């Protein structure tokens, strides 16, 4: 008696693999088409002007005499060190950064801590109200703040500064402070979302150990949200120099609070029309911002807590 064993032919998985590959290609193409407008906008409106400014910084290009452009090497950059107004404007920009960014960071952090509390009611409405000023165009914010601090009709000047005799000593510094407090919305939301993602079990363990609210905030909340604090710090730093706009937080072009930016615009549009020197000043400002950013990134190893790094060390 013969027994015949029938073997099944191996299944062909090639069509399924082809379907997966074709689906990935389709998804990649659709994704590329979706981000194509942003890529074109970045290339035409950001990357090309930046590279063009780098080229113009090595020339003596005047906008009224474009046919007489000549390559002059590093003369524009050397002229910066011999220009006391440019150096003073850069120092004032650094002073503005040192003054406003800590105020904005502390205000956003404290406001986020209040909103992270479970006792607060109507969080959604209040969160929207606190964030709404940040989406107002920067020119409108400048006009509003100027009106509030007006020496004749501003209610902040009339009700606070004048009774305390602070018009002369605080009047000039009040404008950047009010503007910094006006635009804490994005930083407030970033820190609030980080606080809400802190595991509740850590807070419960701290309460069992007898930690009070202040100790919990300093020893648990701040280390856990330090990456969000660092991100907000970098964004606020770049924004304070007028180089980046987050939800239209860039400073007004014609009446900028950044003296360096104002001096660059004066070189462009106030009689000299020296595009070559203005481009060199812009790149000097960019280099200063990059150096500060690198210093901040280097400092993260001392105060920023990254949970992913701890997980990798345990593995």
C-alpha atoms as a PDB file:
ATOM      1  CA  UNK A   1       0.000   0.000   0.000  1.00  0.00           C
ATOM      2  CA  UNK A   2       1.429   3.313  -1.073  1.00  0.00           C
ATOM      3  CA  UNK A   3       0.777   6.514   0.858  1.00  0.00           C
ATOM      4  CA  UNK A   4       1.028   9.687  -1.060  1.00  0.00           C
ATOM      5  CA  UNK A   5       1.925  12.796   0.956  1.00  0.00           C
ATOM      6  CA  UNK A   6       0.647  16.042  -0.529  1.00  0.00           C
ATOM      7  CA  UNK A   7       2.763  19.068   0.297  1.00  0.00           C
ATOM      8  CA  UNK A   8       1.373  22.518   0.090  1.00  0.00           C
ATOM      9  CA  UNK A   9       3.208  24.907  -2.122  1.00  0.00           C
ATOM     10  CA  UNK A  10       4.862  27.744  -0.159  1.00  0.00           C
ATOM     11  CA  UNK A  11       2.848  30.912  -0.095  1.00  0.00           C
ATOM     12  CA  UNK A  12       4.074  33.741  -2.157  1.00  0.00           C
ATOM     13  CA  UNK A  13       4.461  36.799   0.105  1.00  0.00           C
ATOM     14  CA  UNK A  14       5.787  38.960  -2.677  1.00  0.00           C
ATOM     15  CA  UNK A  15       2.451  40.687  -3.457  1.00  0.00           C
ATOM     16  CA  UNK A  16       2.019  41.664   0.206  1.00  0.00           C
ATOM     17  CA  UNK A  17       5.556  43.078   0.340  1.00  0.00           C
ATOM     18  CA  UNK A  18       4.941  44.954  -2.882  1.00  0.00           C
ATOM     19  CA  UNK A  19       1.742  46.367  -1.405  1.00  0.00           C
ATOM     20  CA  UNK A  20       3.601  47.525   1.704  1.00  0.00           C
ATOM     21  CA  UNK A  21       6.365  49.099  -0.388  1.00  0.00           C
ATOM     22  CA  UNK A  22       3.886  50.791  -2.679  1.00  0.00           C
ATOM     23  CA  UNK A  23       1.936  52.067   0.343  1.00  0.00           C
ATOM     24  CA  UNK A  24       5.144  53.494   1.843  1.00  0.00           C
ATOM     25  CA  UNK A  25       6.055  55.164  -1.432  1.00  0.00           C
ATOM     26  CA  UNK A  26       2.564  56.606  -1.718  1.00  0.00           C
ATOM     27  CA  UNK A  27       2.677  57.910   1.862  1.00  0.00           C
ATOM     28  CA  UNK A  28       6.131  59.385   1.284  1.00  0.00           C
ATOM     29  CA  UNK A  29       4.994  61.151  -1.880  1.00  0.00           C
ATOM     30  CA  UNK A  30       1.844  62.505  -0.229  1.00  0.00           C
ATOM     31  CA  UNK A  31       3.880  63.716   2.736  1.00  0.00           C
ATOM     32  CA  UNK A  32       6.375  65.405   0.444  1.00  0.00           C
ATOM     33  CA  UNK A  33       3.571  67.149  -1.450  1.00  0.00           C
ATOM     34  CA  UNK A  34       2.089  68.375   1.818  1.00  0.00           C
ATOM     35  CA  UNK A  35       5.348  69.943   3.019  1.00  0.00           C
ATOM     36  CA  UNK A  36       6.343  71.188  -0.448  1.00  0.00           C
ATOM     37  CA  UNK A  37       4.741  74.666   0.054  1.00  0.00           C
ATOM     38  CA  UNK A  38       6.721  75.106   3.278  1.00  0.00           C
ATOM     39  CA  UNK A  39       9.945  73.940   1.593  1.00  0.00           C
ATOM     40  CA  UNK A  40       9.438  76.401  -1.269  1.00  0.00           C
ATOM     41  CA  UNK A  41       8.602  79.213   1.138  1.00  0.00           C
ATOM     42  CA  UNK A  42      11.646  78.463   3.281  1.00  0.00           C
ATOM     43  CA  UNK A  43      13.952  78.248   0.263  1.00  0.00           C
ATOM     44  CA  UNK A  44      12.700  81.428  -1.404  1.00  0.00           C
ATOM     45  CA  UNK A  45      11.898  83.601   1.623  1.00  0.00           C
ATOM     46  CA  UNK A  46      14.477  82.384   4.175  1.00  0.00           C
ATOM     47  CA  UNK A  47      17.419  80.409   2.812  1.00  0.00           C
ATOM     48  CA  UNK A  48      17.982  82.463  -0.350  1.00  0.00           C
ATOM     49  CA  UNK A  49      17.903  85.879   1.424  1.00  0.00           C
ATOM     50  CA  UNK A  50      20.233  84.553   4.144  1.00  0.00           C
ATOM     51  CA  UNK A  51      22.781  83.288   1.619  1.00  0.00           C
ATOM     52  CA  UNK A  52      22.404  86.473  -0.441  1.00  0.00           C
ATOM     53  CA  UNK A  53      23.095  88.556   2.686  1.00  0.00           C
ATOM     54  CA  UNK A  54      26.232  86.498   3.294  1.00  0.00           C
ATOM     55  CA  UNK A  55      27.476  87.321  -0.217  1.00  0.00           C
ATOM     56  CA  UNK A  56      26.536  91.006   0.052  1.00  0.00           C
ATOM     57  CA  UNK A  57      28.414  91.274   3.369  1.00  0.00           C
ATOM     58  CA  UNK A  58      31.669  90.852   1.416  1.00  0.00           C
ATOM     59  CA  UNK A  59      30.795  93.636  -1.041  1.00  0.00           C
ATOM     60  CA  UNK A  60      30.294  97.406  -1.006  1.00  0.00           C
ATOM     61  CA  UNK A  61      26.804  97.093  -2.467  1.00  0.00           C
ATOM     62  CA  UNK A  62      24.711 100.286  -2.265  1.00  0.00           C
ATOM     63  CA  UNK A  63      21.093  99.937  -3.269  1.00  0.00           C
ATOM     64  CA  UNK A  64      21.164 103.204  -5.200  1.00  0.00           C
ATOM     65  CA  UNK A  65      24.292 102.162  -7.123  1.00  0.00           C
ATOM     66  CA  UNK A  66      23.863  98.458  -7.930  1.00  0.00           C
ATOM     67  CA  UNK A  67      26.107  98.657 -10.998  1.00  0.00           C
ATOM     68  CA  UNK A  68      29.163  99.671  -8.920  1.00  0.00           C
ATOM     69  CA  UNK A  69      29.249  96.618  -6.669  1.00  0.00           C
ATOM     70  CA  UNK A  70      32.738  95.367  -5.795  1.00  0.00           C
ATOM     71  CA  UNK A  71      34.108  92.533  -3.681  1.00  0.00           C
ATOM     72  CA  UNK A  72      35.894  94.043  -0.653  1.00  0.00           C
ATOM     73  CA  UNK A  73      36.506  90.959   1.497  1.00  0.00           C
ATOM     74  CA  UNK A  74      36.270  91.462   5.270  1.00  0.00           C
ATOM     75  CA  UNK A  75      36.233  95.274   5.232  1.00  0.00           C
ATOM     76  CA  UNK A  76      32.591  95.468   6.336  1.00  0.00           C
ATOM     77  CA  UNK A  77      33.293  93.191   9.303  1.00  0.00           C
ATOM     78  CA  UNK A  78      36.391  95.191  10.254  1.00  0.00           C
ATOM     79  CA  UNK A  79      34.335  98.379   9.969  1.00  0.00           C
ATOM     80  CA  UNK A  80      31.998  97.008  12.652  1.00  0.00           C
ATOM     81  CA  UNK A  81      34.811  97.040  15.239  1.00  0.00           C
ATOM     82  CA  UNK A  82      35.573 100.670  14.330  1.00  0.00           C
ATOM     83  CA  UNK A  83      31.910 101.732  14.525  1.00  0.00           C
ATOM     84  CA  UNK A  84      31.054 102.752  18.119  1.00  0.00           C
ATOM     85  CA  UNK A  85      27.340 103.082  17.309  1.00  0.00           C
ATOM     86  CA  UNK A  86      27.190  99.488  16.069  1.00  0.00           C
ATOM     87  CA  UNK A  87      29.017  98.186  19.144  1.00  0.00           C
ATOM     88  CA  UNK A  88      26.777 100.177  21.486  1.00  0.00           C
ATOM     89  CA  UNK A  89      23.672  98.928  19.707  1.00  0.00           C
ATOM     90  CA  UNK A  90      24.865  95.334  20.123  1.00  0.00           C
ATOM     91  CA  UNK A  91      25.488  95.946  23.833  1.00  0.00           C
ATOM     92  CA  UNK A  92      21.974  97.376  24.197  1.00  0.00           C
ATOM     93  CA  UNK A  93      20.590  94.275  22.457  1.00  0.00           C
ATOM     94  CA  UNK A  94      22.405  92.063  24.952  1.00  0.00           C
ATOM     95  CA  UNK A  95      21.070  94.223  27.775  1.00  0.00           C
ATOM     96  CA  UNK A  96      17.541  93.806  26.421  1.00  0.00           C
ATOM     97  CA  UNK A  97      18.034  90.022  26.352  1.00  0.00           C
ATOM     98  CA  UNK A  98      19.357  89.940  29.926  1.00  0.00           C
ATOM     99  CA  UNK A  99      16.471  92.131  31.138  1.00  0.00           C
ATOM    100  CA  UNK A 100      13.408  90.693  29.422  1.00  0.00           C
ATOM    101  CA  UNK A 101      14.075  86.976  28.997  1.00  0.00           C
ATOM    102  CA  UNK A 102      14.344  86.178  32.759  1.00  0.00           C
ATOM    103  CA  UNK A 103      11.164  88.161  33.427  1.00  0.00           C
ATOM    104  CA  UNK A 104       9.327  86.330  30.663  1.00  0.00           C
ATOM    105  CA  UNK A 105      10.609  82.922  31.793  1.00  0.00           C
ATOM    106  CA  UNK A 106       9.717  83.454  35.471  1.00  0.00           C
ATOM    107  CA  UNK A 107       6.254  84.816  34.641  1.00  0.00           C
ATOM    108  CA  UNK A 108       5.500  81.917  32.271  1.00  0.00           C
ATOM    109  CA  UNK A 109       6.766  79.376  34.809  1.00  0.00           C
ATOM    110  CA  UNK A 110       4.700  80.756  37.684  1.00  0.00           C
ATOM    111  CA  UNK A 111       1.603  81.050  35.507  1.00  0.00           C
ATOM    112  CA  UNK A 112       2.030  77.447  34.324  1.00  0.00           C
ATOM    113  CA  UNK A 113       2.364  76.293  37.944  1.00  0.00           C
ATOM    114  CA  UNK A 114      -0.933  77.998  38.805  1.00  0.00           C
ATOM    115  CA  UNK A 115      -2.724  76.408  35.847  1.00  0.00           C
ATOM    116  CA  UNK A 116      -1.279  72.973  36.662  1.00  0.00           C
ATOM    117  CA  UNK A 117      -3.051  73.047  40.019  1.00  0.00           C
ATOM    118  CA  UNK A 118      -6.096  70.794  40.284  1.00  0.00           C
ATOM    119  CA  UNK A 119      -7.947  73.399  42.358  1.00  0.00           C
ATOM    120  CA  UNK A 120      -8.150  75.970  39.578  1.00  0.00           C
ATOM    121  CA  UNK A 121     -11.516  76.180  37.829  1.00  0.00           C
ATOM    122  CA  UNK A 122     -12.367  77.278  34.275  1.00  0.00           C
ATOM    123  CA  UNK A 123      -8.889  76.374  33.062  1.00  0.00           C
ATOM    124  CA  UNK A 124      -9.754  76.288  29.362  1.00  0.00           C
ATOM    125  CA  UNK A 125     -11.272  79.760  29.292  1.00  0.00           C
ATOM    126  CA  UNK A 126      -8.490  81.305  31.367  1.00  0.00           C
ATOM    127  CA  UNK A 127      -5.801  79.534  29.330  1.00  0.00           C
ATOM    128  CA  UNK A 128      -7.278  80.933  26.119  1.00  0.00           C
ATOM    129  CA  UNK A 129      -7.470  84.436  27.574  1.00  0.00           C
ATOM    130  CA  UNK A 130      -3.844  84.372  28.713  1.00  0.00           C
ATOM    131  CA  UNK A 131      -2.653  83.050  25.359  1.00  0.00           C
ATOM    132  CA  UNK A 132      -4.662  85.402  23.108  1.00  0.00           C
ATOM    133  CA  UNK A 133      -2.329  88.440  23.474  1.00  0.00           C
ATOM    134  CA  UNK A 134       0.524  86.368  22.019  1.00  0.00           C
ATOM    135  CA  UNK A 135      -1.217  85.946  18.657  1.00  0.00           C
ATOM    136  CA  UNK A 136      -1.784  89.677  18.230  1.00  0.00           C
ATOM    137  CA  UNK A 137       0.544  91.094  15.541  1.00  0.00           C
ATOM    138  CA  UNK A 138       3.697  92.607  16.973  1.00  0.00           C
ATOM    139  CA  UNK A 139       3.037  96.043  15.455  1.00  0.00           C
ATOM    140  CA  UNK A 140      -0.346  96.162  17.210  1.00  0.00           C
ATOM    141  CA  UNK A 141       1.293  95.108  20.492  1.00  0.00           C
ATOM    142  CA  UNK A 142       3.832  97.904  20.130  1.00  0.00           C
ATOM    143  CA  UNK A 143       1.078 100.482  19.587  1.00  0.00           C
ATOM    144  CA  UNK A 144      -0.964  99.171  22.532  1.00  0.00           C
ATOM    145  CA  UNK A 145       1.991  99.141  24.926  1.00  0.00           C
ATOM    146  CA  UNK A 146       3.058 102.594  23.755  1.00  0.00           C
ATOM    147  CA  UNK A 147      -0.433 103.841  24.543  1.00  0.00           C
ATOM    148  CA  UNK A 148      -0.441 102.251  27.982  1.00  0.00           C
ATOM    149  CA  UNK A 149       2.884 103.916  28.845  1.00  0.00           C
ATOM    150  CA  UNK A 150       2.123 107.263  27.224  1.00  0.00           C
ATOM    151  CA  UNK A 151       3.296 110.136  29.451  1.00  0.00           C
ATOM    152  CA  UNK A 152       0.047 112.082  28.963  1.00  0.00           C
ATOM    153  CA  UNK A 153      -2.745 109.505  28.642  1.00  0.00           C
ATOM    154  CA  UNK A 154      -1.362 106.044  29.462  1.00  0.00           C
ATOM    155  CA  UNK A 155      -3.189 104.496  32.413  1.00  0.00           C
ATOM    156  CA  UNK A 156      -0.109 102.549  33.589  1.00  0.00           C
ATOM    157  CA  UNK A 157       1.824 105.803  33.622  1.00  0.00           C
ATOM    158  CA  UNK A 158      -1.011 107.683  35.362  1.00  0.00           C
ATOM    159  CA  UNK A 159      -1.962 105.064  37.955  1.00  0.00           C
ATOM    160  CA  UNK A 160       1.367 103.390  38.748  1.00  0.00           C
ATOM    161  CA  UNK A 161       4.453 105.226  37.544  1.00  0.00           C
ATOM    162  CA  UNK A 162       3.423 108.821  38.243  1.00  0.00           C
ATOM    163  CA  UNK A 163       2.192 108.306  41.849  1.00  0.00           C
ATOM    164  CA  UNK A 164       5.413 106.423  42.654  1.00  0.00           C
ATOM    165  CA  UNK A 165       7.608 109.031  40.899  1.00  0.00           C
ATOM    166  CA  UNK A 166       8.996 106.360  38.602  1.00  0.00           C
ATOM    167  CA  UNK A 167       8.387 108.122  35.305  1.00  0.00           C
ATOM    168  CA  UNK A 168      12.000 109.093  34.770  1.00  0.00           C
ATOM    169  CA  UNK A 169      13.745 106.077  36.325  1.00  0.00           C
ATOM    170  CA  UNK A 170      11.423 103.326  35.119  1.00  0.00           C
ATOM    171  CA  UNK A 171       9.693 104.906  32.136  1.00  0.00           C
ATOM    172  CA  UNK A 172      12.193 103.771  29.511  1.00  0.00           C
ATOM    173  CA  UNK A 173      12.594 100.265  30.949  1.00  0.00           C
ATOM    174  CA  UNK A 174       8.866  99.705  31.422  1.00  0.00           C
ATOM    175  CA  UNK A 175       8.236  99.278  27.696  1.00  0.00           C
ATOM    176  CA  UNK A 176      10.316  96.093  27.182  1.00  0.00           C
ATOM    177  CA  UNK A 177       9.099  94.682  30.522  1.00  0.00           C
ATOM    178  CA  UNK A 178       5.434  95.133  29.611  1.00  0.00           C
ATOM    179  CA  UNK A 179       6.072  93.754  26.128  1.00  0.00           C
ATOM    180  CA  UNK A 180       7.813  90.695  27.611  1.00  0.00           C
ATOM    181  CA  UNK A 181       4.881  90.018  29.954  1.00  0.00           C
ATOM    182  CA  UNK A 182       2.457  90.545  27.069  1.00  0.00           C
ATOM    183  CA  UNK A 183       3.969  87.712  25.016  1.00  0.00           C
ATOM    184  CA  UNK A 184       4.417  84.909  27.555  1.00  0.00           C
ATOM    185  CA  UNK A 185       1.675  82.786  25.957  1.00  0.00           C
ATOM    186  CA  UNK A 186       3.794  80.262  23.984  1.00  0.00           C
ATOM    187  CA  UNK A 187       6.286  79.734  26.810  1.00  0.00           C
ATOM    188  CA  UNK A 188       3.405  79.393  29.270  1.00  0.00           C
ATOM    189  CA  UNK A 189       1.759  76.639  27.177  1.00  0.00           C
ATOM    190  CA  UNK A 190       5.067  74.793  26.672  1.00  0.00           C
ATOM    191  CA  UNK A 191       5.776  74.684  30.404  1.00  0.00           C
ATOM    192  CA  UNK A 192       2.165  73.888  31.273  1.00  0.00           C
ATOM    193  CA  UNK A 193       2.099  70.867  28.955  1.00  0.00           C
ATOM    194  CA  UNK A 194       5.390  69.659  30.468  1.00  0.00           C
ATOM    195  CA  UNK A 195       4.012  70.005  34.003  1.00  0.00           C
ATOM    196  CA  UNK A 196       0.857  68.080  33.132  1.00  0.00           C
ATOM    197  CA  UNK A 197       2.985  65.218  31.776  1.00  0.00           C
ATOM    198  CA  UNK A 198       4.874  64.730  35.054  1.00  0.00           C
ATOM    199  CA  UNK A 199       3.713  61.384  36.521  1.00  0.00           C
ATOM    200  CA  UNK A 200       1.372  61.872  39.489  1.00  0.00           C
ATOM    201  CA  UNK A 201       2.960  58.930  41.285  1.00  0.00           C
ATOM    202  CA  UNK A 202       6.097  61.042  41.854  1.00  0.00           C
ATOM    203  CA  UNK A 203       4.070  63.781  43.548  1.00  0.00           C
ATOM    204  CA  UNK A 204       2.239  61.232  45.696  1.00  0.00           C
ATOM    205  CA  UNK A 205       5.529  59.678  46.788  1.00  0.00           C
ATOM    206  CA  UNK A 206       6.860  63.134  47.676  1.00  0.00           C
ATOM    207  CA  UNK A 207       3.779  63.849  49.804  1.00  0.00           C
ATOM    208  CA  UNK A 208       4.207  60.551  51.638  1.00  0.00           C
ATOM    209  CA  UNK A 209       7.820  61.529  52.385  1.00  0.00           C
ATOM    210  CA  UNK A 210       6.619  64.836  53.824  1.00  0.00           C
ATOM    211  CA  UNK A 211       7.679  67.210  51.035  1.00  0.00           C
ATOM    212  CA  UNK A 212       5.863  70.529  50.998  1.00  0.00           C
ATOM    213  CA  UNK A 213       4.604  72.418  47.923  1.00  0.00           C
ATOM    214  CA  UNK A 214       7.756  74.527  47.564  1.00  0.00           C
ATOM    215  CA  UNK A 215      10.108  71.565  47.920  1.00  0.00           C
ATOM    216  CA  UNK A 216       8.014  69.552  45.478  1.00  0.00           C
ATOM    217  CA  UNK A 217       8.121  72.336  42.923  1.00  0.00           C
ATOM    218  CA  UNK A 218      11.865  72.962  43.255  1.00  0.00           C
ATOM    219  CA  UNK A 219      13.093  69.372  43.617  1.00  0.00           C
ATOM    220  CA  UNK A 220      10.604  67.529  41.391  1.00  0.00           C
ATOM    221  CA  UNK A 221       8.706  69.786  39.014  1.00  0.00           C
ATOM    222  CA  UNK A 222      11.601  71.942  37.833  1.00  0.00           C
ATOM    223  CA  UNK A 223      13.985  69.019  37.082  1.00  0.00           C
ATOM    224  CA  UNK A 224      11.222  67.097  35.301  1.00  0.00           C
ATOM    225  CA  UNK A 225      10.242  70.012  33.048  1.00  0.00           C
ATOM    226  CA  UNK A 226      13.800  71.297  32.517  1.00  0.00           C
ATOM    227  CA  UNK A 227      13.828  70.287  28.796  1.00  0.00           C
ATOM    228  CA  UNK A 228      10.727  72.447  28.228  1.00  0.00           C
ATOM    229  CA  UNK A 229      12.321  75.293  30.199  1.00  0.00           C
ATOM    230  CA  UNK A 230      15.443  75.016  28.064  1.00  0.00           C
ATOM    231  CA  UNK A 231      13.452  75.024  24.826  1.00  0.00           C
ATOM    232  CA  UNK A 232      11.477  78.066  25.932  1.00  0.00           C
ATOM    233  CA  UNK A 233      14.709  79.799  26.976  1.00  0.00           C
ATOM    234  CA  UNK A 234      16.303  79.315  23.538  1.00  0.00           C
ATOM    235  CA  UNK A 235      13.185  80.473  21.694  1.00  0.00           C
ATOM    236  CA  UNK A 236      12.815  83.552  23.906  1.00  0.00           C
ATOM    237  CA  UNK A 237      16.505  84.364  23.529  1.00  0.00           C
ATOM    238  CA  UNK A 238      16.377  84.265  19.725  1.00  0.00           C
ATOM    239  CA  UNK A 239      13.108  86.199  19.714  1.00  0.00           C
ATOM    240  CA  UNK A 240      14.589  88.903  21.969  1.00  0.00           C
ATOM    241  CA  UNK A 241      17.172  89.647  19.288  1.00  0.00           C
ATOM    242  CA  UNK A 242      14.432  90.059  16.693  1.00  0.00           C
ATOM    243  CA  UNK A 243      15.642  87.126  14.616  1.00  0.00           C
ATOM    244  CA  UNK A 244      12.784  84.662  14.947  1.00  0.00           C
ATOM    245  CA  UNK A 245       9.011  85.059  15.229  1.00  0.00           C
ATOM    246  CA  UNK A 246       6.976  82.481  17.129  1.00  0.00           C
ATOM    247  CA  UNK A 247       3.289  83.115  16.450  1.00  0.00           C
ATOM    248  CA  UNK A 248       4.221  86.577  15.200  1.00  0.00           C
ATOM    249  CA  UNK A 249       6.275  87.405  18.284  1.00  0.00           C
ATOM    250  CA  UNK A 250       8.927  89.120  16.187  1.00  0.00           C
ATOM    251  CA  UNK A 251       9.496  92.725  17.137  1.00  0.00           C
ATOM    252  CA  UNK A 252       8.230  95.548  14.898  1.00  0.00           C
ATOM    253  CA  UNK A 253      10.585  96.332  12.073  1.00  0.00           C
ATOM    254  CA  UNK A 254      10.283 100.110  12.010  1.00  0.00           C
ATOM    255  CA  UNK A 255      10.179 100.627  15.788  1.00  0.00           C
ATOM    256  CA  UNK A 256      12.089  97.628  17.063  1.00  0.00           C
ATOM    257  CA  UNK A 257      13.062  97.297  20.687  1.00  0.00           C
ATOM    258  CA  UNK A 258      16.269  95.632  19.565  1.00  0.00           C
ATOM    259  CA  UNK A 259      18.762  98.467  19.030  1.00  0.00           C
ATOM    260  CA  UNK A 260      20.979  96.313  16.830  1.00  0.00           C
ATOM    261  CA  UNK A 261      18.078  95.564  14.526  1.00  0.00           C
ATOM    262  CA  UNK A 262      17.170  99.245  14.462  1.00  0.00           C
ATOM    263  CA  UNK A 263      20.716 100.193  13.542  1.00  0.00           C
ATOM    264  CA  UNK A 264      20.715  97.627  10.724  1.00  0.00           C
ATOM    265  CA  UNK A 265      17.468  99.049   9.351  1.00  0.00           C
ATOM    266  CA  UNK A 266      18.900 102.553   9.583  1.00  0.00           C
ATOM    267  CA  UNK A 267      21.881 101.459   7.518  1.00  0.00           C
ATOM    268  CA  UNK A 268      19.490 100.146   4.903  1.00  0.00           C
ATOM    269  CA  UNK A 269      16.792 102.802   4.692  1.00  0.00           C
ATOM    270  CA  UNK A 270      17.945 106.004   6.420  1.00  0.00           C
ATOM    271  CA  UNK A 271      20.041 107.696   3.788  1.00  0.00           C
ATOM    272  CA  UNK A 272      23.061 105.424   3.447  1.00  0.00           C
ATOM    273  CA  UNK A 273      21.343 102.450   1.758  1.00  0.00           C
ATOM    274  CA  UNK A 274      24.502 100.458   2.458  1.00  0.00           C
ATOM    275  CA  UNK A 275      23.272  96.914   1.944  1.00  0.00           C
ATOM    276  CA  UNK A 276      26.780  95.440   2.166  1.00  0.00           C
ATOM    277  CA  UNK A 277      27.505  96.851   5.623  1.00  0.00           C
ATOM    278  CA  UNK A 278      23.971  96.117   6.850  1.00  0.00           C
ATOM    279  CA  UNK A 279      24.360  92.487   5.748  1.00  0.00           C
ATOM    280  CA  UNK A 280      27.651  92.257   7.646  1.00  0.00           C
ATOM    281  CA  UNK A 281      25.950  93.655  10.776  1.00  0.00           C
ATOM    282  CA  UNK A 282      23.173  91.101  10.412  1.00  0.00           C
ATOM    283  CA  UNK A 283      25.709  88.275  10.230  1.00  0.00           C
ATOM    284  CA  UNK A 284      27.561  89.644  13.261  1.00  0.00           C
ATOM    285  CA  UNK A 285      24.283  89.572  15.152  1.00  0.00           C
ATOM    286  CA  UNK A 286      23.638  86.039  13.902  1.00  0.00           C
ATOM    287  CA  UNK A 287      27.068  84.893  15.105  1.00  0.00           C
ATOM    288  CA  UNK A 288      26.458  86.416  18.555  1.00  0.00           C
ATOM    289  CA  UNK A 289      23.092  84.640  18.833  1.00  0.00           C
ATOM    290  CA  UNK A 290      24.677  81.359  17.731  1.00  0.00           C
ATOM    291  CA  UNK A 291      27.446  81.689  20.329  1.00  0.00           C
ATOM    292  CA  UNK A 292      24.912  82.307  23.100  1.00  0.00           C
ATOM    293  CA  UNK A 293      22.853  79.347  21.871  1.00  0.00           C
ATOM    294  CA  UNK A 294      25.914  77.079  21.897  1.00  0.00           C
ATOM    295  CA  UNK A 295      26.713  78.182  25.454  1.00  0.00           C
ATOM    296  CA  UNK A 296      23.150  77.356  26.491  1.00  0.00           C
ATOM    297  CA  UNK A 297      23.366  73.939  24.841  1.00  0.00           C
ATOM    298  CA  UNK A 298      26.676  73.282  26.599  1.00  0.00           C
ATOM    299  CA  UNK A 299      25.112  74.210  29.949  1.00  0.00           C
ATOM    300  CA  UNK A 300      22.344  71.612  29.580  1.00  0.00           C
ATOM    301  CA  UNK A 301      24.577  68.883  30.997  1.00  0.00           C
ATOM    302  CA  UNK A 302      24.526  70.694  34.358  1.00  0.00           C
ATOM    303  CA  UNK A 303      20.839  71.539  34.802  1.00  0.00           C
ATOM    304  CA  UNK A 304      18.634  69.863  32.156  1.00  0.00           C
ATOM    305  CA  UNK A 305      17.266  66.411  32.991  1.00  0.00           C
ATOM    306  CA  UNK A 306      16.604  64.179  29.953  1.00  0.00           C
ATOM    307  CA  UNK A 307      14.694  61.009  30.942  1.00  0.00           C
ATOM    308  CA  UNK A 308      15.730  59.275  27.693  1.00  0.00           C
ATOM    309  CA  UNK A 309      19.394  59.440  28.721  1.00  0.00           C
ATOM    310  CA  UNK A 310      18.619  57.782  32.061  1.00  0.00           C
ATOM    311  CA  UNK A 311      16.752  54.980  30.289  1.00  0.00           C
ATOM    312  CA  UNK A 312      19.721  54.367  27.976  1.00  0.00           C
ATOM    313  CA  UNK A 313      22.110  54.204  30.944  1.00  0.00           C
ATOM    314  CA  UNK A 314      19.910  51.612  32.665  1.00  0.00           C
ATOM    315  CA  UNK A 315      19.872  49.478  29.518  1.00  0.00           C
END
